PDB file of N, CA and C in Angstrom:
ATOM      1  N   MET A   1      99.193  95.363  86.920  1.00  0.00           N
ATOM      2  CA  MET A   1     100.571  95.300  86.559  1.00  0.00           C
ATOM      3  C   MET A   1     101.245  93.969  86.830  1.00  0.00           C
ATOM      4  N   ASN A   2     101.880  93.455  85.882  1.00  0.00           N
ATOM      5  CA  ASN A   2     102.647  91.977  85.949  1.00  0.00           C
ATOM      6  C   ASN A   2     103.827  92.335  86.938  1.00  0.00           C
ATOM      7  N   THR A   3     104.051  91.605  87.994  1.00  0.00           N
ATOM      8  CA  THR A   3     105.089  91.832  88.930  1.00  0.00           C
ATOM      9  C   THR A   3     106.307  90.977  88.575  1.00  0.00           C
ATOM     10  N   VAL A   4     106.208  90.060  87.620  1.00  0.00           N
ATOM     11  CA  VAL A   4     107.321  89.255  87.277  1.00  0.00           C
ATOM     12  C   VAL A   4     107.938  89.830  86.042  1.00  0.00           C
ATOM     13  N   HIS A   5     109.239  89.926  85.998  1.00  0.00           N
ATOM     14  CA  HIS A   5     109.894  90.351  84.909  1.00  0.00           C
ATOM     15  C   HIS A   5     109.749  89.338  83.704  1.00  0.00           C
ATOM     16  N   PRO A   6     109.328  89.884  82.556  1.00  0.00           N
ATOM     17  CA  PRO A   6     109.012  88.884  81.511  1.00  0.00           C
ATOM     18  C   PRO A   6     110.180  87.961  81.217  1.00  0.00           C
ATOM     19  N   ASP A   7     111.373  88.204  81.367  1.00  0.00           N
ATOM     20  CA  ASP A   7     112.498  87.405  81.059  1.00  0.00           C
ATOM     21  C   ASP A   7     112.619  86.107  81.945  1.00  0.00           C
ATOM     22  N   ILE A   8     111.844  86.170  83.033  1.00  0.00           N
ATOM     23  CA  ILE A   8     111.969  85.040  83.898  1.00  0.00           C
ATOM     24  C   ILE A   8     111.080  83.865  83.105  1.00  0.00           C
ATOM     25  N   ALA A   9     109.883  84.137  82.702  1.00  0.00           N
ATOM     26  CA  ALA A   9     109.030  83.212  82.220  1.00  0.00           C
ATOM     27  C   ALA A   9     109.617  82.719  80.665  1.00  0.00           C
ATOM     28  N   THR A  10     110.119  83.798  79.964  1.00  0.00           N
ATOM     29  CA  THR A  10     110.606  83.394  78.663  1.00  0.00           C
ATOM     30  C   THR A  10     112.000  82.959  78.591  1.00  0.00           C
ATOM     31  N   HIS A  11     112.687  83.018  79.684  1.00  0.00           N
ATOM     32  CA  HIS A  11     114.094  82.487  79.749  1.00  0.00           C
ATOM     33  C   HIS A  11     114.092  81.009  79.488  1.00  0.00           C
ATOM     34  N   PHE A  12     113.083  80.273  80.044  1.00  0.00           N
ATOM     35  CA  PHE A  12     113.109  78.844  80.060  1.00  0.00           C
ATOM     36  C   PHE A  12     112.201  78.264  78.885  1.00  0.00           C
ATOM     37  N   GLU A  13     111.647  78.939  78.164  1.00  0.00           N
ATOM     38  CA  GLU A  13     110.599  78.508  77.178  1.00  0.00           C
ATOM     39  C   GLU A  13     111.332  77.664  76.105  1.00  0.00           C
ATOM     40  N   ASN A  14     112.586  77.739  75.943  1.00  0.00           N
ATOM     41  CA  ASN A  14     113.273  76.760  74.874  1.00  0.00           C
ATOM     42  C   ASN A  14     113.910  75.620  75.609  1.00  0.00           C
ATOM     43  N   LEU A  15     113.572  75.472  76.824  1.00  0.00           N
ATOM     44  CA  LEU A  15     114.048  74.345  77.624  1.00  0.00           C
ATOM     45  C   LEU A  15     113.563  73.073  77.194  1.00  0.00           C
ATOM     46  N   LYS A  16     114.287  72.020  76.614  1.00  0.00           N
ATOM     47  CA  LYS A  16     113.803  70.822  76.200  1.00  0.00           C
ATOM     48  C   LYS A  16     113.208  69.949  77.203  1.00  0.00           C
ATOM     49  N   ASP A  17     112.062  69.465  76.942  1.00  0.00           N
ATOM     50  CA  ASP A  17     111.172  68.722  77.921  1.00  0.00           C
ATOM     51  C   ASP A  17     111.573  67.312  77.794  1.00  0.00           C
ATOM     52  N   PRO A  18     112.143  66.608  78.857  1.00  0.00           N
ATOM     53  CA  PRO A  18     112.632  65.176  78.687  1.00  0.00           C
ATOM     54  C   PRO A  18     111.433  64.287  78.971  1.00  0.00           C
ATOM     55  N   ARG A  19     110.301  64.792  79.387  1.00  0.00           N
ATOM     56  CA  ARG A  19     109.290  63.945  79.729  1.00  0.00           C
ATOM     57  C   ARG A  19     108.546  63.247  78.529  1.00  0.00           C
ATOM     58  N   VAL A  20     107.778  62.220  78.837  1.00  0.00           N
ATOM     59  CA  VAL A  20     107.134  61.491  77.759  1.00  0.00           C
ATOM     60  C   VAL A  20     105.932  62.319  77.332  1.00  0.00           C
ATOM     61  N   GLU A  21     105.835  62.618  76.007  1.00  0.00           N
ATOM     62  CA  GLU A  21     104.730  63.485  75.466  1.00  0.00           C
ATOM     63  C   GLU A  21     103.418  62.864  75.622  1.00  0.00           C
ATOM     64  N   GLY A  22     102.486  63.574  76.056  1.00  0.00           N
ATOM     65  CA  GLY A  22     101.170  63.001  76.225  1.00  0.00           C
ATOM     66  C   GLY A  22     100.939  62.351  77.531  1.00  0.00           C
ATOM     67  N   LYS A  23     101.995  62.384  78.449  1.00  0.00           N
ATOM     68  CA  LYS A  23     101.844  61.668  79.780  1.00  0.00           C
ATOM     69  C   LYS A  23     102.074  62.789  80.834  1.00  0.00           C
ATOM     70  N   THR A  24     101.889  63.981  80.478  1.00  0.00           N
ATOM     71  CA  THR A  24     102.181  65.089  81.501  1.00  0.00           C
ATOM     72  C   THR A  24     100.888  65.788  81.645  1.00  0.00           C
ATOM     73  N   ARG A  25     100.702  66.311  82.893  1.00  0.00           N
ATOM     74  CA  ARG A  25      99.509  67.173  83.112  1.00  0.00           C
ATOM     75  C   ARG A  25      99.909  68.552  83.284  1.00  0.00           C
ATOM     76  N   HIS A  26     101.265  68.945  83.572  1.00  0.00           N
ATOM     77  CA  HIS A  26     101.687  70.261  83.874  1.00  0.00           C
ATOM     78  C   HIS A  26     102.676  70.599  82.913  1.00  0.00           C
ATOM     79  N   LEU A  27     102.729  71.923  82.503  1.00  0.00           N
ATOM     80  CA  LEU A  27     103.622  72.443  81.526  1.00  0.00           C
ATOM     81  C   LEU A  27     105.064  72.684  82.309  1.00  0.00           C
ATOM     82  N   LEU A  28     106.026  72.275  81.601  1.00  0.00           N
ATOM     83  CA  LEU A  28     107.372  72.385  82.161  1.00  0.00           C
ATOM     84  C   LEU A  28     107.761  73.742  82.604  1.00  0.00           C
ATOM     85  N   ASN A  29     107.403  74.775  81.681  1.00  0.00           N
ATOM     86  CA  ASN A  29     107.721  76.031  82.171  1.00  0.00           C
ATOM     87  C   ASN A  29     106.933  76.534  83.485  1.00  0.00           C
ATOM     88  N   ASP A  30     105.837  75.993  83.748  1.00  0.00           N
ATOM     89  CA  ASP A  30     105.054  76.301  84.863  1.00  0.00           C
ATOM     90  C   ASP A  30     105.853  75.726  86.050  1.00  0.00           C
ATOM     91  N   ILE A  31     106.288  74.396  85.861  1.00  0.00           N
ATOM     92  CA  ILE A  31     106.966  73.734  86.931  1.00  0.00           C
ATOM     93  C   ILE A  31     108.326  74.469  87.314  1.00  0.00           C
ATOM     94  N   VAL A  32     109.040  74.866  86.334  1.00  0.00           N
ATOM     95  CA  VAL A  32     110.372  75.582  86.541  1.00  0.00           C
ATOM     96  C   VAL A  32     110.108  76.877  87.326  1.00  0.00           C
ATOM     97  N   ILE A  33     109.145  77.568  86.745  1.00  0.00           N
ATOM     98  CA  ILE A  33     108.977  78.915  87.468  1.00  0.00           C
ATOM     99  C   ILE A  33     108.485  78.789  88.984  1.00  0.00           C
ATOM    100  N   ILE A  34     107.621  77.865  89.202  1.00  0.00           N
ATOM    101  CA  ILE A  34     107.048  77.620  90.499  1.00  0.00           C
ATOM    102  C   ILE A  34     108.274  77.119  91.535  1.00  0.00           C
ATOM    103  N   ALA A  35     109.078  76.201  90.957  1.00  0.00           N
ATOM    104  CA  ALA A  35     110.092  75.716  91.660  1.00  0.00           C
ATOM    105  C   ALA A  35     111.237  76.798  92.017  1.00  0.00           C
ATOM    106  N   ILE A  36     111.557  77.636  91.073  1.00  0.00           N
ATOM    107  CA  ILE A  36     112.418  78.690  91.398  1.00  0.00           C
ATOM    108  C   ILE A  36     111.822  79.732  92.441  1.00  0.00           C
ATOM    109  N   CYS A  37     110.576  80.015  92.287  1.00  0.00           N
ATOM    110  CA  CYS A  37     109.989  80.975  93.169  1.00  0.00           C
ATOM    111  C   CYS A  37     109.911  80.425  94.508  1.00  0.00           C
ATOM    112  N   GLY A  38     109.545  79.111  94.629  1.00  0.00           N
ATOM    113  CA  GLY A  38     109.487  78.263  95.891  1.00  0.00           C
ATOM    114  C   GLY A  38     110.868  78.325  96.561  1.00  0.00           C
ATOM    115  N   VAL A  39     111.977  78.023  95.886  1.00  0.00           N
ATOM    116  CA  VAL A  39     113.126  78.028  96.573  1.00  0.00           C
ATOM    117  C   VAL A  39     113.606  79.415  97.027  1.00  0.00           C
ATOM    118  N   ILE A  40     113.355  80.377  96.278  1.00  0.00           N
ATOM    119  CA  ILE A  40     113.618  81.818  96.621  1.00  0.00           C
ATOM    120  C   ILE A  40     112.829  82.104  97.856  1.00  0.00           C
ATOM    121  N   GLY A  41     111.595  81.542  97.952  1.00  0.00           N
ATOM    122  CA  GLY A  41     110.692  81.722  98.988  1.00  0.00           C
ATOM    123  C   GLY A  41     110.933  80.993 100.332  1.00  0.00           C
ATOM    124  N   GLY A  42     112.023  80.063 100.273  1.00  0.00           N
ATOM    125  CA  GLY A  42     112.417  79.277 101.427  1.00  0.00           C
ATOM    126  C   GLY A  42     112.096  77.884 101.365  1.00  0.00           C
ATOM    127  N   ALA A  43     111.528  77.433 100.395  1.00  0.00           N
ATOM    128  CA  ALA A  43     111.002  75.975 100.225  1.00  0.00           C
ATOM    129  C   ALA A  43     112.355  75.133  99.996  1.00  0.00           C
ATOM    130  N   SER A  44     112.368  73.930 100.703  1.00  0.00           N
ATOM    131  CA  SER A  44     113.416  73.054 100.453  1.00  0.00           C
ATOM    132  C   SER A  44     112.772  71.636 100.302  1.00  0.00           C
ATOM    133  N   GLY A  45     112.656  71.397  99.019  1.00  0.00           N
ATOM    134  CA  GLY A  45     112.079  70.079  98.611  1.00  0.00           C
ATOM    135  C   GLY A  45     110.821  70.288  97.876  1.00  0.00           C
ATOM    136  N   TRP A  46     110.377  69.188  97.146  1.00  0.00           N
ATOM    137  CA  TRP A  46     109.228  69.331  96.229  1.00  0.00           C
ATOM    138  C   TRP A  46     107.926  69.461  97.142  1.00  0.00           C
ATOM    139  N   GLU A  47     107.802  68.912  98.264  1.00  0.00           N
ATOM    140  CA  GLU A  47     106.512  69.158  99.059  1.00  0.00           C
ATOM    141  C   GLU A  47     106.407  70.543  99.519  1.00  0.00           C
ATOM    142  N   GLN A  48     107.449  71.187  99.901  1.00  0.00           N
ATOM    143  CA  GLN A  48     107.328  72.577 100.235  1.00  0.00           C
ATOM    144  C   GLN A  48     107.118  73.510  99.103  1.00  0.00           C
ATOM    145  N   ILE A  49     107.618  73.097  97.871  1.00  0.00           N
ATOM    146  CA  ILE A  49     107.502  73.893  96.739  1.00  0.00           C
ATOM    147  C   ILE A  49     105.912  73.708  96.423  1.00  0.00           C
ATOM    148  N   GLU A  50     105.407  72.544  96.505  1.00  0.00           N
ATOM    149  CA  GLU A  50     103.918  72.362  96.181  1.00  0.00           C
ATOM    150  C   GLU A  50     103.090  73.203  97.229  1.00  0.00           C
ATOM    151  N   ILE A  51     103.394  73.213  98.442  1.00  0.00           N
ATOM    152  CA  ILE A  51     102.694  74.059  99.390  1.00  0.00           C
ATOM    153  C   ILE A  51     102.793  75.498  99.025  1.00  0.00           C
ATOM    154  N   PHE A  52     104.024  76.008  98.661  1.00  0.00           N
ATOM    155  CA  PHE A  52     104.170  77.360  98.345  1.00  0.00           C
ATOM    156  C   PHE A  52     103.375  77.657  97.080  1.00  0.00           C
ATOM    157  N   GLY A  53     103.441  76.828  96.101  1.00  0.00           N
ATOM    158  CA  GLY A  53     102.721  77.073  94.913  1.00  0.00           C
ATOM    159  C   GLY A  53     101.222  77.178  95.102  1.00  0.00           C
ATOM    160  N   LYS A  54     100.742  76.320  95.904  1.00  0.00           N
ATOM    161  CA  LYS A  54      99.247  76.402  96.252  1.00  0.00           C
ATOM    162  C   LYS A  54      98.817  77.616  96.981  1.00  0.00           C
ATOM    163  N   ALA A  55      99.762  78.077  97.893  1.00  0.00           N
ATOM    164  CA  ALA A  55      99.495  79.307  98.638  1.00  0.00           C
ATOM    165  C   ALA A  55      99.603  80.507  97.689  1.00  0.00           C
ATOM    166  N   LYS A  56     100.279  80.433  96.650  1.00  0.00           N
ATOM    167  CA  LYS A  56     100.425  81.614  95.771  1.00  0.00           C
ATOM    168  C   LYS A  56      99.741  81.293  94.418  1.00  0.00           C
ATOM    169  N   GLN A  57      98.824  80.403  94.184  1.00  0.00           N
ATOM    170  CA  GLN A  57      98.319  79.943  93.087  1.00  0.00           C
ATOM    171  C   GLN A  57      97.405  81.230  92.415  1.00  0.00           C
ATOM    172  N   GLU A  58      96.873  82.008  93.039  1.00  0.00           N
ATOM    173  CA  GLU A  58      96.137  83.196  92.529  1.00  0.00           C
ATOM    174  C   GLU A  58      97.269  84.040  91.808  1.00  0.00           C
ATOM    175  N   TRP A  59      98.325  84.366  92.427  1.00  0.00           N
ATOM    176  CA  TRP A  59      99.333  85.159  91.966  1.00  0.00           C
ATOM    177  C   TRP A  59     100.000  84.570  90.722  1.00  0.00           C
ATOM    178  N   PHE A  60     100.244  83.133  90.746  1.00  0.00           N
ATOM    179  CA  PHE A  60     101.017  82.510  89.622  1.00  0.00           C
ATOM    180  C   PHE A  60      99.957  82.397  88.464  1.00  0.00           C
ATOM    181  N   SER A  61      98.591  82.469  88.722  1.00  0.00           N
ATOM    182  CA  SER A  61      97.815  82.434  87.587  1.00  0.00           C
ATOM    183  C   SER A  61      97.694  83.698  86.648  1.00  0.00           C
ATOM    184  N   ASN A  62      98.356  84.643  87.297  1.00  0.00           N
ATOM    185  CA  ASN A  62      98.544  85.945  86.499  1.00  0.00           C
ATOM    186  C   ASN A  62      99.423  85.805  85.283  1.00  0.00           C
ATOM    187  N   PHE A  63     100.311  84.851  85.428  1.00  0.00           N
ATOM    188  CA  PHE A  63     101.431  84.816  84.286  1.00  0.00           C
ATOM    189  C   PHE A  63     101.778  83.376  83.897  1.00  0.00           C
ATOM    190  N   LEU A  64     101.170  82.463  84.620  1.00  0.00           N
ATOM    191  CA  LEU A  64     101.517  81.115  84.045  1.00  0.00           C
ATOM    192  C   LEU A  64     100.172  80.483  83.670  1.00  0.00           C
ATOM    193  N   GLU A  65     100.278  79.370  82.791  1.00  0.00           N
ATOM    194  CA  GLU A  65      99.045  78.687  82.182  1.00  0.00           C
ATOM    195  C   GLU A  65      98.269  77.937  83.121  1.00  0.00           C
ATOM    196  N   LEU A  66      99.000  77.117  83.925  1.00  0.00           N
ATOM    197  CA  LEU A  66      98.373  76.228  84.951  1.00  0.00           C
ATOM    198  C   LEU A  66      97.139  75.574  84.423  1.00  0.00           C
ATOM    199  N   PRO A  67      97.289  74.791  83.265  1.00  0.00           N
ATOM    200  CA  PRO A  67      96.063  74.020  82.777  1.00  0.00           C
ATOM    201  C   PRO A  67      95.470  73.049  83.839  1.00  0.00           C
ATOM    202  N   ASN A  68      96.186  72.534  84.631  1.00  0.00           N
ATOM    203  CA  ASN A  68      95.702  71.536  85.678  1.00  0.00           C
ATOM    204  C   ASN A  68      96.028  71.972  87.090  1.00  0.00           C
ATOM    205  N   GLY A  69      96.154  73.264  87.406  1.00  0.00           N
ATOM    206  CA  GLY A  69      96.463  73.858  88.603  1.00  0.00           C
ATOM    207  C   GLY A  69      97.881  73.711  88.909  1.00  0.00           C
ATOM    208  N   ILE A  70      98.203  73.721  90.270  1.00  0.00           N
ATOM    209  CA  ILE A  70      99.621  73.670  90.774  1.00  0.00           C
ATOM    210  C   ILE A  70      99.955  72.217  90.730  1.00  0.00           C
ATOM    211  N   PRO A  71     101.098  71.940  90.220  1.00  0.00           N
ATOM    212  CA  PRO A  71     101.664  70.638  90.203  1.00  0.00           C
ATOM    213  C   PRO A  71     101.885  70.038  91.582  1.00  0.00           C
ATOM    214  N   GLY A  72     101.484  68.806  91.842  1.00  0.00           N
ATOM    215  CA  GLY A  72     101.716  68.243  93.197  1.00  0.00           C
ATOM    216  C   GLY A  72     101.999  66.858  93.127  1.00  0.00           C
TER     217      GLY A  72
END
């Protein structure tokens, strides 16, 4: 059973990606979802969000693409 409400992932799918195309390793939607979950989980800053993401990578892989793992 998917524990994430589908609207969380789909809510940001139309978010315009300001990054240079071809110079990114991670999907913007993956980054946004991990950051939101990390902050809800108590992370305060990118380093803590990365630690949170790596600790929950197996769970995130159930509903995120993560083509290059957790962004770091």
